[in-house]
Protein backbone atom coordinates (compact mmCIF):
# COMPACT_ATOMS: atom_id res chain seq x y z
CA UNK A 1 106.84 99.67 135.17
CA UNK A 2 103.74 101.73 135.90
CA UNK A 3 103.39 103.68 139.12
CA UNK A 4 101.37 101.87 141.75
CA UNK A 5 97.80 103.15 141.93
CA UNK A 6 96.73 103.55 145.56
CA UNK A 7 93.14 104.50 144.81
CA UNK A 8 90.26 102.69 146.44
CA UNK A 9 89.34 100.73 143.30
CA UNK A 10 92.96 99.67 142.73
CA UNK A 11 93.24 98.50 146.34
CA UNK A 12 90.04 96.46 145.98
CA UNK A 13 91.41 94.88 142.81
CA UNK A 14 94.73 94.02 144.47
CA UNK A 15 92.90 92.54 147.47
CA UNK A 16 90.71 90.41 145.18
CA UNK A 17 93.77 89.24 143.23
CA UNK A 18 95.56 88.33 146.47
CA UNK A 19 92.53 86.36 147.64
CA UNK A 20 92.57 84.33 144.39
CA UNK A 21 96.27 83.57 144.86
CA UNK A 22 95.89 82.64 148.54
CA UNK A 23 92.92 80.38 147.76
CA UNK A 24 94.89 78.58 145.03
CA UNK A 25 97.87 78.31 147.38
CA UNK A 26 95.76 76.75 150.14
CA UNK A 27 94.21 74.31 147.68
CA UNK A 28 97.64 73.25 146.37
CA UNK A 29 98.94 72.67 149.91
CA UNK A 30 95.75 70.81 150.84
CA UNK A 31 96.31 68.58 147.79
CA UNK A 32 99.74 67.69 149.17
CA UNK A 33 102.12 70.05 147.40
CA UNK A 34 105.03 71.28 149.50
CA UNK A 35 104.53 74.98 150.40
CA UNK A 36 108.12 75.71 149.31
CA UNK A 37 107.36 74.30 145.85
CA UNK A 38 104.22 76.41 145.63
CA UNK A 39 106.18 79.49 146.72
CA UNK A 40 108.91 78.91 144.16
CA UNK A 41 106.35 78.37 141.39
CA UNK A 42 104.43 81.51 142.40
CA UNK A 43 107.56 83.67 142.42
CA UNK A 44 108.63 82.24 139.05
CA UNK A 45 105.18 82.85 137.56
CA UNK A 46 105.02 86.41 138.87
CA UNK A 47 108.52 87.37 137.74
CA UNK A 48 108.24 85.74 134.32
CA UNK A 49 104.89 87.46 133.70
CA UNK A 50 106.28 90.84 134.78
CA UNK A 51 109.38 90.36 132.60
CA UNK A 52 107.17 89.54 129.62
CA UNK A 53 105.23 92.77 130.24
CA UNK A 54 107.97 95.20 131.29
CA UNK A 55 111.33 93.65 130.39
CA UNK A 56 114.17 92.31 132.47
CA UNK A 57 115.80 95.55 133.63
CA UNK A 58 112.69 97.24 135.10
CA UNK A 59 111.80 94.03 136.94
CA UNK A 60 115.38 93.69 138.22
CA UNK A 61 115.22 97.26 139.55
CA UNK A 62 111.90 96.48 141.27
CA UNK A 63 113.37 93.27 142.72
CA UNK A 64 116.31 95.22 144.20
CA UNK A 65 113.81 96.99 146.48
CA UNK A 66 112.30 93.74 147.76
CA UNK A 67 114.67 93.10 150.71
CA UNK A 68 113.80 96.39 152.38
CA UNK A 69 110.10 95.99 151.67
CA UNK A 70 110.24 92.51 153.23
CA UNK A 71 112.07 93.86 156.29
CA UNK A 72 109.45 96.60 156.61
CA UNK A 73 106.73 93.94 156.86
CA UNK A 74 105.03 94.87 153.61
CA UNK A 75 104.50 91.21 152.69
CA UNK A 76 103.56 89.93 156.14
CA UNK A 77 100.02 88.61 155.87
CA UNK A 78 98.14 87.30 158.84
CA UNK A 79 95.54 84.87 157.63
CA UNK A 80 93.11 82.52 159.26
CA UNK A 81 92.78 79.05 157.77
CA UNK A 82 89.22 77.77 157.81
């Protein structure tokens, strides 16, 4: 898997991508889908896409680091619903 680019342009792109995902998530929940179902589908979509691009082993190695990243608050997003 490629090294994460922390440049300004890469951060803007990641922020824009996250906004698209969060908007779709909010729309799905608004339409009545259970947030747990949306979460499971999003994780499946992300992992299957990454596996198609990088293969199972590199994605498994990346996934092994997720518990610590979660505990470190890396995925904690404070958002305001409008």
